[in-house]
Amino acid sequence: MVIEDLVSTGKSSLQAVDALLAAGLEIVGMVSIFTYDFSVAKEAFEARGLKYHPLTSYPMLLELAQEKGIIQPEQAGQLLQWREDPANWTGV
């Protein structure tokens, strides 16, 4: 089992998996503490057939921030838009 602190695109995580496989280790899956939940990462793990389980995610963080009154629902919606296309996001 590979444990990551953060998964964004999944690229570096899968490079670590490749290094471990090259060293002869068996990988049964990956767990991360946090993920931005980008679709590119989901697709990368699926393409490799690697089981992946995050402990928490950006959408979960926004949900908690709403529950705690830190952000309003409309702000959460705007922040979720960032996750869809972070390179072109223009801000809140």
C-alpha atoms as a PDB file:
ATOM      1  CA  MET A   1       0.000   0.000   0.000  1.00  0.00           C
ATOM      2  CA  VAL A   2       1.371   3.383  -1.006  1.00  0.00           C
ATOM      3  CA  ILE A   3       0.478   6.309   1.255  1.00  0.00           C
ATOM      4  CA  GLU A   4       0.548   9.849  -0.139  1.00  0.00           C
ATOM      5  CA  ASP A   5      -0.053  13.127   1.635  1.00  0.00           C
ATOM      6  CA  LEU A   6      -1.630  14.896  -1.363  1.00  0.00           C
ATOM      7  CA  VAL A   7      -2.858  13.782  -4.771  1.00  0.00           C
ATOM      8  CA  SER A   8      -3.547  16.419  -7.394  1.00  0.00           C
ATOM      9  CA  THR A   9      -3.034  15.046 -10.915  1.00  0.00           C
ATOM     10  CA  GLY A  10      -1.704  11.686  -9.730  1.00  0.00           C
ATOM     11  CA  LYS A  11       1.436  11.964 -11.870  1.00  0.00           C
ATOM     12  CA  SER A  12       4.019  11.918  -9.072  1.00  0.00           C
ATOM     13  CA  SER A  13       2.056   9.277  -7.171  1.00  0.00           C
ATOM     14  CA  LEU A  14       2.096   6.970 -10.168  1.00  0.00           C
ATOM     15  CA  GLN A  15       5.822   7.633 -10.669  1.00  0.00           C
ATOM     16  CA  ALA A  16       6.363   6.432  -7.094  1.00  0.00           C
ATOM     17  CA  VAL A  17       4.270   3.335  -7.853  1.00  0.00           C
ATOM     18  CA  ASP A  18       6.394   2.680 -10.960  1.00  0.00           C
ATOM     19  CA  ALA A  19       9.607   2.948  -8.928  1.00  0.00           C
ATOM     20  CA  LEU A  20       8.288   0.523  -6.335  1.00  0.00           C
ATOM     21  CA  LEU A  21       7.131  -1.927  -9.012  1.00  0.00           C
ATOM     22  CA  ALA A  22      10.538  -1.696 -10.693  1.00  0.00           C
ATOM     23  CA  ALA A  23      12.106  -2.617  -7.341  1.00  0.00           C
ATOM     24  CA  GLY A  24      10.008  -5.774  -7.324  1.00  0.00           C
ATOM     25  CA  LEU A  25       7.377  -4.737  -4.801  1.00  0.00           C
ATOM     26  CA  GLU A  26       3.712  -5.616  -5.093  1.00  0.00           C
ATOM     27  CA  ILE A  27       1.360  -2.623  -4.906  1.00  0.00           C
ATOM     28  CA  VAL A  28      -2.166  -3.348  -3.705  1.00  0.00           C
ATOM     29  CA  GLY A  29      -3.389   0.250  -3.846  1.00  0.00           C
ATOM     30  CA  MET A  30      -2.877   3.817  -2.756  1.00  0.00           C
ATOM     31  CA  VAL A  31      -4.281   5.949   0.053  1.00  0.00           C
ATOM     32  CA  SER A  32      -3.907   9.699   0.302  1.00  0.00           C
ATOM     33  CA  ILE A  33      -4.632  12.040   3.168  1.00  0.00           C
ATOM     34  CA  PHE A  34      -6.087  14.657   0.787  1.00  0.00           C
ATOM     35  CA  THR A  35      -7.029  14.989  -2.858  1.00  0.00           C
ATOM     36  CA  TYR A  36      -8.293  17.861  -4.947  1.00  0.00           C
ATOM     37  CA  ASP A  37     -10.455  15.241  -6.668  1.00  0.00           C
ATOM     38  CA  PHE A  38      -9.341  16.244 -10.166  1.00  0.00           C
ATOM     39  CA  SER A  39     -10.822  14.049 -12.878  1.00  0.00           C
ATOM     40  CA  VAL A  40      -7.374  13.643 -14.468  1.00  0.00           C
ATOM     41  CA  ALA A  41      -6.171  11.834 -11.339  1.00  0.00           C
ATOM     42  CA  LYS A  42      -9.188   9.537 -11.226  1.00  0.00           C
ATOM     43  CA  GLU A  43      -8.667   8.685 -14.881  1.00  0.00           C
ATOM     44  CA  ALA A  44      -4.943   8.031 -14.367  1.00  0.00           C
ATOM     45  CA  PHE A  45      -5.537   5.599 -11.495  1.00  0.00           C
ATOM     46  CA  GLU A  46      -8.323   3.850 -13.388  1.00  0.00           C
ATOM     47  CA  ALA A  47      -6.139   3.531 -16.505  1.00  0.00           C
ATOM     48  CA  ARG A  48      -3.481   1.821 -14.388  1.00  0.00           C
ATOM     49  CA  GLY A  49      -5.998  -0.391 -12.607  1.00  0.00           C
ATOM     50  CA  LEU A  50      -4.755   0.935  -9.264  1.00  0.00           C
ATOM     51  CA  LYS A  51      -7.162   1.046  -6.337  1.00  0.00           C
ATOM     52  CA  TYR A  52      -7.148   4.515  -4.815  1.00  0.00           C
ATOM     53  CA  HIS A  53      -8.837   5.784  -1.658  1.00  0.00           C
ATOM     54  CA  PRO A  54      -8.479   9.359  -0.356  1.00  0.00           C
ATOM     55  CA  LEU A  55      -9.214  10.033   3.310  1.00  0.00           C
ATOM     56  CA  THR A  56     -10.571  13.500   2.540  1.00  0.00           C
ATOM     57  CA  SER A  57     -11.021  15.733  -0.469  1.00  0.00           C
ATOM     58  CA  TYR A  58     -11.489  19.289  -1.667  1.00  0.00           C
ATOM     59  CA  PRO A  59     -15.271  18.866  -2.017  1.00  0.00           C
ATOM     60  CA  MET A  60     -15.406  17.480   1.551  1.00  0.00           C
ATOM     61  CA  LEU A  61     -13.353  20.448   2.772  1.00  0.00           C
ATOM     62  CA  LEU A  62     -15.762  22.895   1.142  1.00  0.00           C
ATOM     63  CA  GLU A  63     -18.742  21.069   2.641  1.00  0.00           C
ATOM     64  CA  LEU A  64     -17.223  21.304   6.116  1.00  0.00           C
ATOM     65  CA  ALA A  65     -16.388  24.985   5.587  1.00  0.00           C
ATOM     66  CA  GLN A  66     -20.064  25.591   4.780  1.00  0.00           C
ATOM     67  CA  GLU A  67     -21.232  23.655   7.845  1.00  0.00           C
ATOM     68  CA  LYS A  68     -18.896  25.735  10.029  1.00  0.00           C
ATOM     69  CA  GLY A  69     -20.100  29.006   8.445  1.00  0.00           C
ATOM     70  CA  ILE A  70     -16.660  29.806   7.025  1.00  0.00           C
ATOM     71  CA  ILE A  71     -18.000  30.074   3.476  1.00  0.00           C
ATOM     72  CA  GLN A  72     -21.455  30.495   1.973  1.00  0.00           C
ATOM     73  CA  PRO A  73     -23.002  27.997  -0.466  1.00  0.00           C
ATOM     74  CA  GLU A  74     -22.489  30.310  -3.446  1.00  0.00           C
ATOM     75  CA  GLN A  75     -18.808  30.635  -2.537  1.00  0.00           C
ATOM     76  CA  ALA A  76     -18.509  26.847  -2.356  1.00  0.00           C
ATOM     77  CA  GLY A  77     -19.969  26.630  -5.853  1.00  0.00           C
ATOM     78  CA  GLN A  78     -17.435  29.125  -7.148  1.00  0.00           C
ATOM     79  CA  LEU A  79     -14.587  27.297  -5.448  1.00  0.00           C
ATOM     80  CA  LEU A  80     -15.737  23.995  -6.935  1.00  0.00           C
ATOM     81  CA  GLN A  81     -15.506  25.639 -10.360  1.00  0.00           C
ATOM     82  CA  TRP A  82     -11.772  26.102  -9.693  1.00  0.00           C
ATOM     83  CA  ARG A  83     -11.410  22.333  -9.449  1.00  0.00           C
ATOM     84  CA  GLU A  84     -12.913  21.888 -12.926  1.00  0.00           C
ATOM     85  CA  ASP A  85     -10.255  24.058 -14.628  1.00  0.00           C
ATOM     86  CA  PRO A  86      -7.680  25.481 -12.180  1.00  0.00           C
ATOM     87  CA  ALA A  87      -5.369  26.813 -14.896  1.00  0.00           C
ATOM     88  CA  ASN A  88      -8.076  29.105 -16.260  1.00  0.00           C
ATOM     89  CA  TRP A  89      -9.946  29.994 -13.077  1.00  0.00           C
ATOM     90  CA  THR A  90     -10.388  33.739 -12.680  1.00  0.00           C
ATOM     91  CA  GLY A  91     -11.224  33.800  -8.996  1.00  0.00           C
ATOM     92  CA  VAL A  92     -14.161  34.601  -6.781  1.00  0.00           C
END
